[in-house]
C-alpha atoms as a PDB file:
ATOM      1  CA  LYS A   1       6.173   2.290  -7.739  1.00  0.00           C
ATOM      2  CA  ALA A   2       3.366  -0.359  -8.250  1.00  0.00           C
ATOM      3  CA  THR A   3      -0.216  -0.335  -8.465  1.00  0.00           C
ATOM      4  CA  GLN A   4      -0.888  -2.053  -5.785  1.00  0.00           C
ATOM      5  CA  ASP A   5       0.475  -4.146  -2.519  1.00  0.00           C
ATOM      6  CA  ASP A   6      -1.423  -6.249  -0.359  1.00  0.00           C
ATOM      7  CA  THR A   7      -0.261  -7.654   2.287  1.00  0.00           C
ATOM      8  CA  LEU A   8      -1.714 -11.182   2.639  1.00  0.00           C
ATOM      9  CA  LEU A   9       0.968 -12.632   5.679  1.00  0.00           C
ATOM     10  CA  THR A  10       2.942 -11.395   8.410  1.00  0.00           C
ATOM     11  CA  ALA A  11       3.876 -13.942  10.758  1.00  0.00           C
ATOM     12  CA  ALA A  12       6.957 -15.191  13.414  1.00  0.00           C
ATOM     13  CA  LEU A  13       8.973 -17.674  12.063  1.00  0.00           C
ATOM     14  CA  THR A  14       9.670 -19.871  15.005  1.00  0.00           C
ATOM     15  CA  GLN A  15      12.930 -21.359  13.794  1.00  0.00           C
ATOM     16  CA  ALA A  16      14.503 -18.980  13.506  1.00  0.00           C
ATOM     17  CA  PRO A  17      13.825 -16.004  16.641  1.00  0.00           C
ATOM     18  CA  GLY A  18      13.712 -12.569  15.244  1.00  0.00           C
ATOM     19  CA  ARG A  19      12.976 -12.991  12.094  1.00  0.00           C
ATOM     20  CA  ALA A  20       9.619 -12.757  10.320  1.00  0.00           C
ATOM     21  CA  LEU A  21       7.696 -13.510   7.122  1.00  0.00           C
ATOM     22  CA  GLU A  22       6.019 -11.187   4.673  1.00  0.00           C
ATOM     23  CA  ALA A  23       4.155 -11.748   1.718  1.00  0.00           C
ATOM     24  CA  LEU A  24       2.899  -9.597  -0.407  1.00  0.00           C
ATOM     25  CA  ARG A  25       1.065  -9.282  -3.699  1.00  0.00           C
ATOM     26  CA  VAL A  26       2.445  -6.857  -5.721  1.00  0.00           C
ATOM     27  CA  SER A  27       0.511  -5.599  -9.473  1.00  0.00           C
ATOM     28  CA  TYR A  28       1.810  -3.733 -12.405  1.00  0.00           C
ATOM     29  CA  ALA A  29      -0.561  -2.125 -14.154  1.00  0.00           C
ATOM     30  CA  PRO A  30       0.269  -2.399 -18.433  1.00  0.00           C
ATOM     31  CA  GLY A  31       3.967  -0.848 -18.635  1.00  0.00           C
ATOM     32  CA  GLU A  32       4.520   0.042 -15.123  1.00  0.00           C
ATOM     33  CA  ALA A  33       7.741  -0.547 -13.629  1.00  0.00           C
ATOM     34  CA  SER A  34       9.147  -0.007 -10.034  1.00  0.00           C
ATOM     35  CA  LYS A  35      12.685   2.709  -9.704  1.00  0.00           C
ATOM     36  CA  PRO A  36      15.286   1.234  -8.723  1.00  0.00           C
ATOM     37  CA  HIS A  37      15.628  -0.108  -5.301  1.00  0.00           C
ATOM     38  CA  SER A  38      16.737  -2.741  -2.011  1.00  0.00           C
ATOM     39  CA  HIS A  39      15.000  -4.073   0.216  1.00  0.00           C
ATOM     40  CA  ASP A  40      16.449  -5.145   3.976  1.00  0.00           C
ATOM     41  CA  ARG A  41      15.038  -8.624   4.419  1.00  0.00           C
ATOM     42  CA  ASP A  42      15.258 -11.288   2.038  1.00  0.00           C
ATOM     43  CA  ALA A  43      13.030 -11.441  -0.998  1.00  0.00           C
ATOM     44  CA  TYR A  44      10.976 -14.570  -2.902  1.00  0.00           C
ATOM     45  CA  VAL A  45       9.344 -13.662  -6.206  1.00  0.00           C
ATOM     46  CA  TYR A  46       7.133 -15.650  -7.750  1.00  0.00           C
ATOM     47  CA  VAL A  47       5.306 -14.355 -11.413  1.00  0.00           C
ATOM     48  CA  LEU A  48       1.329 -15.045 -10.006  1.00  0.00           C
ATOM     49  CA  ASN A  49       0.710 -14.095 -14.051  1.00  0.00           C
ATOM     50  CA  GLY A  50       2.072 -11.668 -16.732  1.00  0.00           C
ATOM     51  CA  GLU A  51       5.052 -11.323 -17.609  1.00  0.00           C
ATOM     52  CA  VAL A  52       7.432  -9.300 -15.348  1.00  0.00           C
ATOM     53  CA  ARG A  53      11.452  -7.642 -16.434  1.00  0.00           C
ATOM     54  CA  SER A  54      13.645  -8.100 -13.197  1.00  0.00           C
ATOM     55  CA  GLN A  55      17.042  -7.152 -13.213  1.00  0.00           C
ATOM     56  CA  VAL A  56      19.009  -7.732  -9.976  1.00  0.00           C
ATOM     57  CA  GLU A  57      22.800  -6.287  -9.715  1.00  0.00           C
ATOM     58  CA  GLY A  58      24.979  -8.385 -10.825  1.00  0.00           C
ATOM     59  CA  GLN A  59      22.893 -10.757 -12.759  1.00  0.00           C
ATOM     60  CA  ALA A  60      21.023 -10.347 -16.157  1.00  0.00           C
ATOM     61  CA  LEU A  61      18.269  -9.138 -17.288  1.00  0.00           C
ATOM     62  CA  ARG A  62      15.322 -11.109 -17.562  1.00  0.00           C
ATOM     63  CA  VAL A  63      11.893 -11.217 -18.689  1.00  0.00           C
ATOM     64  CA  TYR A  64      10.032 -13.877 -16.184  1.00  0.00           C
ATOM     65  CA  ALA A  65       6.761 -15.104 -16.994  1.00  0.00           C
ATOM     66  CA  ALA A  66       3.848 -16.800 -14.879  1.00  0.00           C
ATOM     67  CA  GLY A  67       4.983 -19.961 -12.801  1.00  0.00           C
ATOM     68  CA  GLU A  68       9.014 -18.002 -12.985  1.00  0.00           C
ATOM     69  CA  ASN A  69      10.713 -17.201  -9.315  1.00  0.00           C
ATOM     70  CA  TRP A  70      13.738 -15.801  -8.566  1.00  0.00           C
ATOM     71  CA  PHE A  71      15.619 -14.767  -4.716  1.00  0.00           C
ATOM     72  CA  GLU A  72      16.520 -11.388  -4.172  1.00  0.00           C
ATOM     73  CA  PRO A  73      18.950 -11.282  -1.437  1.00  0.00           C
ATOM     74  CA  ALA A  74      19.069  -8.821   1.659  1.00  0.00           C
ATOM     75  CA  GLY A  75      20.354  -5.241   0.518  1.00  0.00           C
ATOM     76  CA  ALA A  76      21.029  -6.615  -3.233  1.00  0.00           C
ATOM     77  CA  ARG A  77      20.087  -3.196  -5.804  1.00  0.00           C
ATOM     78  CA  HIS A  78      17.044  -4.569  -7.861  1.00  0.00           C
ATOM     79  CA  LEU A  79      18.017  -2.459 -10.803  1.00  0.00           C
ATOM     80  CA  VAL A  80      14.768  -3.281 -12.705  1.00  0.00           C
ATOM     81  CA  SER A  81      11.362  -4.245 -11.988  1.00  0.00           C
ATOM     82  CA  ALA A  82       8.710  -3.868 -14.567  1.00  0.00           C
ATOM     83  CA  ASN A  83       5.276  -5.402 -16.530  1.00  0.00           C
ATOM     84  CA  ALA A  84       6.756  -6.537 -19.381  1.00  0.00           C
ATOM     85  CA  SER A  85       3.705  -5.890 -21.001  1.00  0.00           C
ATOM     86  CA  ASN A  86       2.479  -2.522 -22.819  1.00  0.00           C
ATOM     87  CA  THR A  87      -1.435  -3.592 -22.811  1.00  0.00           C
ATOM     88  CA  ALA A  88      -1.828  -6.633 -19.981  1.00  0.00           C
ATOM     89  CA  PRO A  89      -1.048  -6.037 -16.586  1.00  0.00           C
ATOM     90  CA  ALA A  90       1.135  -8.007 -13.958  1.00  0.00           C
ATOM     91  CA  THR A  91       1.623  -9.162 -10.174  1.00  0.00           C
ATOM     92  CA  ILE A  92       3.671 -11.144  -8.239  1.00  0.00           C
ATOM     93  CA  LEU A  93       3.801 -12.715  -5.270  1.00  0.00           C
ATOM     94  CA  VAL A  94       6.636 -11.900  -3.121  1.00  0.00           C
ATOM     95  CA  VAL A  95       8.198 -12.687   0.562  1.00  0.00           C
ATOM     96  CA  PHE A  96      10.199 -11.292   2.578  1.00  0.00           C
ATOM     97  CA  VAL A  97      12.427 -12.981   5.303  1.00  0.00           C
ATOM     98  CA  GLY A  98      14.085 -10.920   7.694  1.00  0.00           C
ATOM     99  CA  LYS A  99      13.784  -8.301  11.182  1.00  0.00           C
ATOM    100  CA  PRO A 100      10.238  -7.167  11.873  1.00  0.00           C
ATOM    101  CA  ARG A 101       9.044  -4.559  10.511  1.00  0.00           C
ATOM    102  CA  ALA A 102       6.657  -1.991  12.355  1.00  0.00           C
ATOM    103  CA  PRO A 103       3.254  -2.146  11.674  1.00  0.00           C
ATOM    104  CA  HIS A 104       1.558  -0.319   9.179  1.00  0.00           C
ATOM    105  CA  LYS A 105      -0.731   2.816  10.451  1.00  0.00           C
END
């Protein structure tokens, strides 16, 4: 799991009733990686700083640098999500769109 997940914004979508947007800042320490996973919502991912290795099932493994981005459809298996550097941190912005989540307690 990434070092830090900060929720930046949660908002209902007025043009898509029953759906919400959630924006998170996810930080990876040098060399850190997440385990393979999937999400029940669509995800837009933008690299804020550093470099991130990412592979969604059925796609090639890529290294994304700051300013680059990708899309993960709901249910897609995210096989690789890792900081590409062993010396510098990396941070991504993840914007989920889908059914609203229950508030964190």
